[in-house]
C-alpha atoms as a PDB file:
ATOM      1  CA  MET A   1     128.139 107.331 171.066  1.00  0.00           C
ATOM      2  CA  ASP A   2     128.582 109.347 167.949  1.00  0.00           C
ATOM      3  CA  PRO A   3     125.231 109.662 166.189  1.00  0.00           C
ATOM      4  CA  SER A   4     126.942 109.329 162.829  1.00  0.00           C
ATOM      5  CA  SER A   5     128.175 105.836 163.763  1.00  0.00           C
ATOM      6  CA  GLU A   6     124.676 104.507 164.444  1.00  0.00           C
ATOM      7  CA  GLY A   7     123.641 104.681 160.815  1.00  0.00           C
ATOM      8  CA  ALA A   8     126.888 103.400 159.371  1.00  0.00           C
ATOM      9  CA  GLY A   9     125.430 100.137 158.179  1.00  0.00           C
ATOM     10  CA  ALA A  10     122.039 101.477 157.118  1.00  0.00           C
ATOM     11  CA  PRO A  11     121.360 102.045 153.437  1.00  0.00           C
ATOM     12  CA  SER A  12     121.551 105.627 152.364  1.00  0.00           C
ATOM     13  CA  GLU A  13     118.325 107.369 151.553  1.00  0.00           C
ATOM     14  CA  GLN A  14     117.608 108.271 147.964  1.00  0.00           C
ATOM     15  CA  LEU A  15     117.472 111.956 147.388  1.00  0.00           C
ATOM     16  CA  PRO A  16     114.589 113.340 145.408  1.00  0.00           C
ATOM     17  CA  SER A  17     115.275 113.757 141.732  1.00  0.00           C
ATOM     18  CA  SER A  18     116.547 117.131 140.683  1.00  0.00           C
ATOM     19  CA  THR A  19     114.546 117.039 137.485  1.00  0.00           C
ATOM     20  CA  THR A  20     111.647 119.396 137.374  1.00  0.00           C
ATOM     21  CA  SER A  21     108.209 118.322 136.275  1.00  0.00           C
ATOM     22  CA  PRO A  22     107.142 119.422 132.788  1.00  0.00           C
ATOM     23  CA  PRO A  23     105.241 122.681 132.684  1.00  0.00           C
ATOM     24  CA  ILE A  24     101.487 122.516 132.479  1.00  0.00           C
ATOM     25  CA  VAL A  25     100.220 123.912 129.210  1.00  0.00           C
ATOM     26  CA  VAL A  26      96.903 125.671 129.581  1.00  0.00           C
ATOM     27  CA  GLN A  27      94.800 125.777 126.458  1.00  0.00           C
ATOM     28  CA  PRO A  28      93.220 129.187 125.859  1.00  0.00           C
ATOM     29  CA  GLU A  29      89.501 129.329 126.317  1.00  0.00           C
ATOM     30  CA  GLY A  30      87.542 128.495 123.208  1.00  0.00           C
ATOM     31  CA  SER A  31      90.506 126.870 121.417  1.00  0.00           C
ATOM     32  CA  SER A  32      90.365 123.264 120.269  1.00  0.00           C
ATOM     33  CA  PRO A  33      93.361 120.893 120.355  1.00  0.00           C
ATOM     34  CA  ALA A  34      95.364 120.518 117.164  1.00  0.00           C
ATOM     35  CA  PRO A  35      94.053 117.724 114.944  1.00  0.00           C
ATOM     36  CA  PRO A  36      96.308 114.655 114.576  1.00  0.00           C
ATOM     37  CA  PRO A  37      98.439 114.537 111.409  1.00  0.00           C
ATOM     38  CA  ALA A  38      96.849 112.829 108.454  1.00  0.00           C
ATOM     39  CA  PRO A  39      98.139 109.303 107.762  1.00  0.00           C
ATOM     40  CA  PRO A  40     100.439 108.944 104.738  1.00  0.00           C
ATOM     41  CA  SER A  41      98.839 108.049 101.448  1.00  0.00           C
ATOM     42  CA  ARG A  42      99.146 104.617  99.911  1.00  0.00           C
ATOM     43  CA  TYR A  43     101.704 105.958  97.449  1.00  0.00           C
ATOM     44  CA  GLU A  44     103.844 107.514 100.191  1.00  0.00           C
ATOM     45  CA  SER A  45     103.733 104.330 102.264  1.00  0.00           C
ATOM     46  CA  GLN A  46     104.738 102.200  99.295  1.00  0.00           C
ATOM     47  CA  LYS A  47     107.513 104.638  98.378  1.00  0.00           C
ATOM     48  CA  ARG A  48     108.948 104.442 101.888  1.00  0.00           C
ATOM     49  CA  ARG A  49     108.871 100.619 101.827  1.00  0.00           C
ATOM     50  CA  ASP A  50     110.563 100.536  98.416  1.00  0.00           C
ATOM     51  CA  TRP A  51     113.252 102.949  99.598  1.00  0.00           C
ATOM     52  CA  ASN A  52     113.976 100.857 102.693  1.00  0.00           C
ATOM     53  CA  THR A  53     114.120  97.729 100.524  1.00  0.00           C
ATOM     54  CA  PHE A  54     116.708  99.324  98.256  1.00  0.00           C
ATOM     55  CA  LEU A  55     118.812 100.528 101.189  1.00  0.00           C
ATOM     56  CA  GLN A  56     118.730  97.001 102.616  1.00  0.00           C
ATOM     57  CA  TYR A  57     119.846  95.673  99.236  1.00  0.00           C
ATOM     58  CA  LEU A  58     122.829  98.014  99.230  1.00  0.00           C
ATOM     59  CA  GLN A  59     123.753  96.942 102.747  1.00  0.00           C
ATOM     60  CA  ASN A  60     123.600  93.229 101.864  1.00  0.00           C
ATOM     61  CA  HIS A  61     125.467  93.699  98.596  1.00  0.00           C
ATOM     62  CA  LYS A  62     128.834  92.011  98.338  1.00  0.00           C
ATOM     63  CA  PRO A  63     130.829  94.147  98.750  1.00  0.00           C
ATOM     64  CA  PRO A  64     128.462  96.555 100.532  1.00  0.00           C
ATOM     65  CA  LEU A  65     127.525  99.644  98.560  1.00  0.00           C
ATOM     66  CA  THR A  66     126.848 103.166  99.697  1.00  0.00           C
ATOM     67  CA  LEU A  67     124.190 105.353  98.193  1.00  0.00           C
ATOM     68  CA  VAL A  68     126.814 107.828  97.006  1.00  0.00           C
ATOM     69  CA  ARG A  69     128.565 105.161  94.926  1.00  0.00           C
ATOM     70  CA  CYS A  70     125.342 103.736  93.519  1.00  0.00           C
ATOM     71  CA  SER A  71     125.054 103.992  89.730  1.00  0.00           C
ATOM     72  CA  GLY A  72     122.565 103.053  87.059  1.00  0.00           C
ATOM     73  CA  ALA A  73     124.280  99.669  86.689  1.00  0.00           C
ATOM     74  CA  HIS A  74     123.596  98.910  90.358  1.00  0.00           C
ATOM     75  CA  VAL A  75     119.956  99.893  89.902  1.00  0.00           C
ATOM     76  CA  ILE A  76     119.665  97.410  87.013  1.00  0.00           C
ATOM     77  CA  GLU A  77     121.217  94.715  89.201  1.00  0.00           C
ATOM     78  CA  PHE A  78     118.583  95.495  91.820  1.00  0.00           C
ATOM     79  CA  LEU A  79     115.775  95.135  89.277  1.00  0.00           C
ATOM     80  CA  LYS A  80     117.143  91.766  88.116  1.00  0.00           C
ATOM     81  CA  TYR A  81     117.443  90.671  91.737  1.00  0.00           C
ATOM     82  CA  LEU A  82     113.748  91.399  92.243  1.00  0.00           C
ATOM     83  CA  ASP A  83     112.792  89.000  89.436  1.00  0.00           C
ATOM     84  CA  GLN A  84     112.985  86.105  91.891  1.00  0.00           C
ATOM     85  CA  PHE A  85     109.956  87.579  93.680  1.00  0.00           C
ATOM     86  CA  GLY A  86     107.968  88.144  90.460  1.00  0.00           C
ATOM     87  CA  LYS A  87     104.576  86.644  89.725  1.00  0.00           C
ATOM     88  CA  THR A  88     104.341  87.258  85.965  1.00  0.00           C
ATOM     89  CA  LYS A  89     104.911  84.363  83.580  1.00  0.00           C
ATOM     90  CA  VAL A  90     107.332  85.360  80.829  1.00  0.00           C
ATOM     91  CA  HIS A  91     107.638  82.709  78.112  1.00  0.00           C
ATOM     92  CA  VAL A  92     111.063  81.970  76.662  1.00  0.00           C
ATOM     93  CA  SER A  93     111.619  81.859  72.912  1.00  0.00           C
ATOM     94  CA  GLY A  94     111.586  78.043  72.814  1.00  0.00           C
ATOM     95  CA  CYS A  95     108.261  77.725  74.649  1.00  0.00           C
ATOM     96  CA  PRO A  96     105.279  76.638  72.490  1.00  0.00           C
ATOM     97  CA  TYR A  97     103.238  79.375  74.173  1.00  0.00           C
ATOM     98  CA  PHE A  98     105.679  82.155  73.308  1.00  0.00           C
ATOM     99  CA  GLY A  99     103.619  85.150  72.216  1.00  0.00           C
ATOM    100  CA  HIS A 100     100.369  83.521  73.338  1.00  0.00           C
ATOM    101  CA  PRO A 101      98.348  85.918  75.528  1.00  0.00           C
ATOM    102  CA  ASN A 102      96.219  83.108  77.010  1.00  0.00           C
ATOM    103  CA  PRO A 103      98.194  79.847  77.108  1.00  0.00           C
ATOM    104  CA  PRO A 104      95.903  76.817  77.422  1.00  0.00           C
ATOM    105  CA  ALA A 105      98.216  74.893  79.739  1.00  0.00           C
ATOM    106  CA  PRO A 106     100.986  75.645  82.264  1.00  0.00           C
ATOM    107  CA  CYS A 107     104.632  75.658  81.292  1.00  0.00           C
ATOM    108  CA  ALA A 108     108.023  75.754  82.964  1.00  0.00           C
ATOM    109  CA  CYS A 109     108.867  79.314  81.949  1.00  0.00           C
ATOM    110  CA  PRO A 110     110.150  81.554  84.757  1.00  0.00           C
ATOM    111  CA  LEU A 111     108.185  84.075  86.756  1.00  0.00           C
ATOM    112  CA  LYS A 112     109.500  87.620  86.644  1.00  0.00           C
ATOM    113  CA  GLN A 113     108.564  91.116  87.658  1.00  0.00           C
ATOM    114  CA  ALA A 114     106.085  92.662  85.255  1.00  0.00           C
ATOM    115  CA  TRP A 115     107.336  95.647  83.319  1.00  0.00           C
ATOM    116  CA  GLY A 116     104.598  97.860  84.770  1.00  0.00           C
ATOM    117  CA  SER A 117     105.713  97.016  88.313  1.00  0.00           C
ATOM    118  CA  LEU A 118     109.350  97.857  87.566  1.00  0.00           C
ATOM    119  CA  ASP A 119     108.423 101.091  85.825  1.00  0.00           C
ATOM    120  CA  ALA A 120     106.301 102.232  88.775  1.00  0.00           C
ATOM    121  CA  LEU A 121     109.018 101.169  91.235  1.00  0.00           C
ATOM    122  CA  ILE A 122     111.683 103.236  89.487  1.00  0.00           C
ATOM    123  CA  GLY A 123     109.380 106.252  89.552  1.00  0.00           C
ATOM    124  CA  ARG A 124     108.926 105.974  93.317  1.00  0.00           C
ATOM    125  CA  LEU A 125     112.623 105.370  94.003  1.00  0.00           C
ATOM    126  CA  ARG A 126     113.599 108.282  91.795  1.00  0.00           C
ATOM    127  CA  ALA A 127     111.380 110.587  93.850  1.00  0.00           C
ATOM    128  CA  ALA A 128     112.554 109.086  97.158  1.00  0.00           C
ATOM    129  CA  TYR A 129     116.205 109.601  96.216  1.00  0.00           C
ATOM    130  CA  GLU A 130     115.747 113.345  95.802  1.00  0.00           C
ATOM    131  CA  GLU A 131     113.515 113.612  98.867  1.00  0.00           C
ATOM    132  CA  ASN A 132     116.331 112.115 100.931  1.00  0.00           C
ATOM    133  CA  GLY A 133     118.904 114.700  99.860  1.00  0.00           C
ATOM    134  CA  GLY A 134     120.064 113.325  96.521  1.00  0.00           C
ATOM    135  CA  ARG A 135     120.768 115.704  93.654  1.00  0.00           C
ATOM    136  CA  PRO A 136     118.628 115.326  90.513  1.00  0.00           C
ATOM    137  CA  GLU A 137     121.654 115.384  88.201  1.00  0.00           C
ATOM    138  CA  SER A 138     123.216 112.419  90.036  1.00  0.00           C
ATOM    139  CA  ASN A 139     120.020 110.391  90.487  1.00  0.00           C
ATOM    140  CA  PRO A 140     120.914 106.788  89.495  1.00  0.00           C
ATOM    141  CA  PHE A 141     117.244 105.882  89.006  1.00  0.00           C
ATOM    142  CA  GLY A 142     117.006 108.417  86.195  1.00  0.00           C
ATOM    143  CA  ALA A 143     120.114 107.171  84.404  1.00  0.00           C
ATOM    144  CA  LYS A 144     119.934 106.502  80.678  1.00  0.00           C
ATOM    145  CA  ALA A 145     120.973 102.875  81.190  1.00  0.00           C
ATOM    146  CA  VAL A 146     117.959 102.311  83.443  1.00  0.00           C
ATOM    147  CA  ARG A 147     115.584 103.775  80.852  1.00  0.00           C
ATOM    148  CA  ILE A 148     117.068 101.546  78.154  1.00  0.00           C
ATOM    149  CA  TYR A 149     116.745  98.484  80.380  1.00  0.00           C
ATOM    150  CA  LEU A 150     113.085  99.218  81.136  1.00  0.00           C
ATOM    151  CA  ARG A 151     112.384  99.662  77.432  1.00  0.00           C
ATOM    152  CA  GLU A 152     114.016  96.312  76.661  1.00  0.00           C
ATOM    153  CA  VAL A 153     111.984  94.616  79.395  1.00  0.00           C
ATOM    154  CA  ARG A 154     108.782  96.151  78.041  1.00  0.00           C
ATOM    155  CA  GLU A 155     109.470  95.054  74.470  1.00  0.00           C
ATOM    156  CA  GLY A 156     110.656  91.586  75.508  1.00  0.00           C
ATOM    157  CA  GLN A 157     107.631  90.906  77.701  1.00  0.00           C
ATOM    158  CA  ALA A 158     105.280  92.235  75.049  1.00  0.00           C
ATOM    159  CA  LYS A 159     106.609  89.669  72.562  1.00  0.00           C
ATOM    160  CA  ALA A 160     106.803  86.825  75.065  1.00  0.00           C
ATOM    161  CA  ARG A 161     103.308  87.349  76.469  1.00  0.00           C
ATOM    162  CA  GLY A 162     101.632  88.544  73.297  1.00  0.00           C
ATOM    163  CA  ILE A 163     100.409  91.658  75.112  1.00  0.00           C
ATOM    164  CA  PRO A 164     101.691  94.860  73.492  1.00  0.00           C
ATOM    165  CA  TYR A 165     102.263  97.895  75.655  1.00  0.00           C
ATOM    166  CA  GLU A 166     101.078 100.934  73.757  1.00  0.00           C
ATOM    167  CA  LYS A 167     101.501 104.562  74.620  1.00  0.00           C
ATOM    168  CA  LYS A 168      98.508 106.816  74.460  1.00  0.00           C
ATOM    169  CA  LYS A 169      99.101 109.356  71.751  1.00  0.00           C
ATOM    170  CA  ARG A 170      99.143 112.945  72.900  1.00  0.00           C
ATOM    171  CA  LYS A 171      96.588 115.067  71.091  1.00  0.00           C
ATOM    172  CA  ARG A 172      98.042 118.153  69.504  1.00  0.00           C
ATOM    173  CA  PRO A 173      96.003 121.337  69.757  1.00  0.00           C
ATOM    174  CA  ALA A 174      94.560 122.509  66.450  1.00  0.00           C
ATOM    175  CA  VAL A 175      96.088 125.793  65.365  1.00  0.00           C
ATOM    176  CA  THR A 176      94.202 128.133  63.054  1.00  0.00           C
ATOM    177  CA  VAL A 177      96.290 130.729  61.251  1.00  0.00           C
ATOM    178  CA  ALA A 178      94.719 134.178  61.275  1.00  0.00           C
ATOM    179  CA  ALA A 179      94.101 135.575  57.806  1.00  0.00           C
ATOM    180  CA  VAL A 180      95.421 139.105  57.326  1.00  0.00           C
ATOM    181  CA  SER A 181      93.853 141.251  54.591  1.00  0.00           C
ATOM    182  CA  SER A 182      96.235 142.760  52.065  1.00  0.00           C
ATOM    183  CA  SER A 183      94.567 146.171  52.323  1.00  0.00           C
ATOM    184  CA  GLY A 184      95.433 146.458  56.023  1.00  0.00           C
ATOM    185  CA  GLY A 185      91.844 147.442  56.829  1.00  0.00           C
ATOM    186  CA  GLY A 186      91.412 144.925  59.625  1.00  0.00           C
ATOM    187  CA  ASN A 187      92.592 141.671  61.060  1.00  0.00           C
ATOM    188  CA  ASP A 188      90.416 138.591  61.236  1.00  0.00           C
ATOM    189  CA  ASP A 189      90.637 136.910  64.581  1.00  0.00           C
ATOM    190  CA  GLY A 190      91.684 133.300  64.204  1.00  0.00           C
ATOM    191  CA  GLY A 191      90.140 130.861  66.604  1.00  0.00           C
ATOM    192  CA  GLY A 192      92.712 128.676  68.357  1.00  0.00           C
ATOM    193  CA  GLY A 193      91.144 125.357  69.287  1.00  0.00           C
ATOM    194  CA  ASP A 194      92.267 123.966  72.611  1.00  0.00           C
ATOM    195  CA  GLY A 195      92.996 120.330  71.981  1.00  0.00           C
ATOM    196  CA  GLY A 196      92.814 118.218  75.115  1.00  0.00           C
ATOM    197  CA  ALA A 197      96.259 116.889  75.961  1.00  0.00           C
ATOM    198  CA  GLY A 198      96.039 113.146  76.212  1.00  0.00           C
ATOM    199  CA  ASP A 199      97.407 111.278  79.126  1.00  0.00           C
ATOM    200  CA  ASN A 200     100.947 110.172  78.323  1.00  0.00           C
ATOM    201  CA  THR A 201     100.910 107.386  80.839  1.00  0.00           C
ATOM    202  CA  VAL A 202     102.565 104.239  79.535  1.00  0.00           C
ATOM    203  CA  GLY A 203     100.571 101.029  79.597  1.00  0.00           C
ATOM    204  CA  GLY A 204     100.806  98.848  82.655  1.00  0.00           C
ATOM    205  CA  SER A 205      99.534 101.356  85.149  1.00  0.00           C
ATOM    206  CA  SER A 206      98.551  98.560  87.542  1.00  0.00           C
ATOM    207  CA  GLY A 207     102.204  98.025  88.339  1.00  0.00           C
ATOM    208  CA  ALA A 208     102.053 100.113  91.525  1.00  0.00           C
ATOM    209  CA  THR A 209      99.496  97.685  92.988  1.00  0.00           C
ATOM    210  CA  THR A 210     101.366  94.623  91.800  1.00  0.00           C
ATOM    211  CA  SER A 211     104.633  95.835  93.257  1.00  0.00           C
ATOM    212  CA  THR A 212     103.119  95.967  96.745  1.00  0.00           C
ATOM    213  CA  THR A 213     102.957  92.181  96.932  1.00  0.00           C
ATOM    214  CA  GLU A 214     105.902  91.355  94.732  1.00  0.00           C
ATOM    215  CA  PHE A 215     108.423  93.505  96.620  1.00  0.00           C
ATOM    216  CA  SER A 216     107.179  92.794 100.137  1.00  0.00           C
ATOM    217  CA  THR A 217     109.524  89.831 100.672  1.00  0.00           C
ATOM    218  CA  ALA A 218     112.584  91.491  99.213  1.00  0.00           C
ATOM    219  CA  THR A 219     113.407  93.460 102.368  1.00  0.00           C
ATOM    220  CA  THR A 220     114.423  90.438 104.433  1.00  0.00           C
ATOM    221  CA  THR A 221     116.312  88.628 101.674  1.00  0.00           C
ATOM    222  CA  THR A 222     120.091  88.651 101.765  1.00  0.00           C
ATOM    223  CA  VAL A 223     121.891  88.938  98.450  1.00  0.00           C
END
């Protein structure tokens, strides 16, 4: 009997894999393994979440939008969309507590995103846009319309809540003009005082913390 016919019905044997095992890396003597990469900062983590939230918003937009076609008007729409997740009471003009910083009783006025949260959000998205290949001159988050909208939100909430947002004035360095003698005998050295430049941060700096909770549910919401 032909030996090849005896194993006709038997399952074929699996051949060993042709893949080679990975090479063994030998650490040089006296060298320590590379330390693990440092975890991202709180700002970087929040910026990544905000960027993913905005991309999800563009995908769920009707009709869907691409990042290339996104303009300042679409950014403003996104900010208005986020108002439904806000936690800041903004009194309407007809409310008896309009302009009252500490209302004594609750009212039916809507909850919106605080101006400080929106301002911090735009700052993070503006940086994320350029980090992901966008050009600064075409950055929709830096559009003039967005800046005007944020200013209107700041002024409107300041009146409605009775809490003005004030900018810290930048200190100008004192300049002393050196006196020059008419005889030309010598020059008096004028002392130039170094005035400390004040922080130009706009009020509402706690917005970055507030936005963490207010924007967390926006990612899974369909427009």
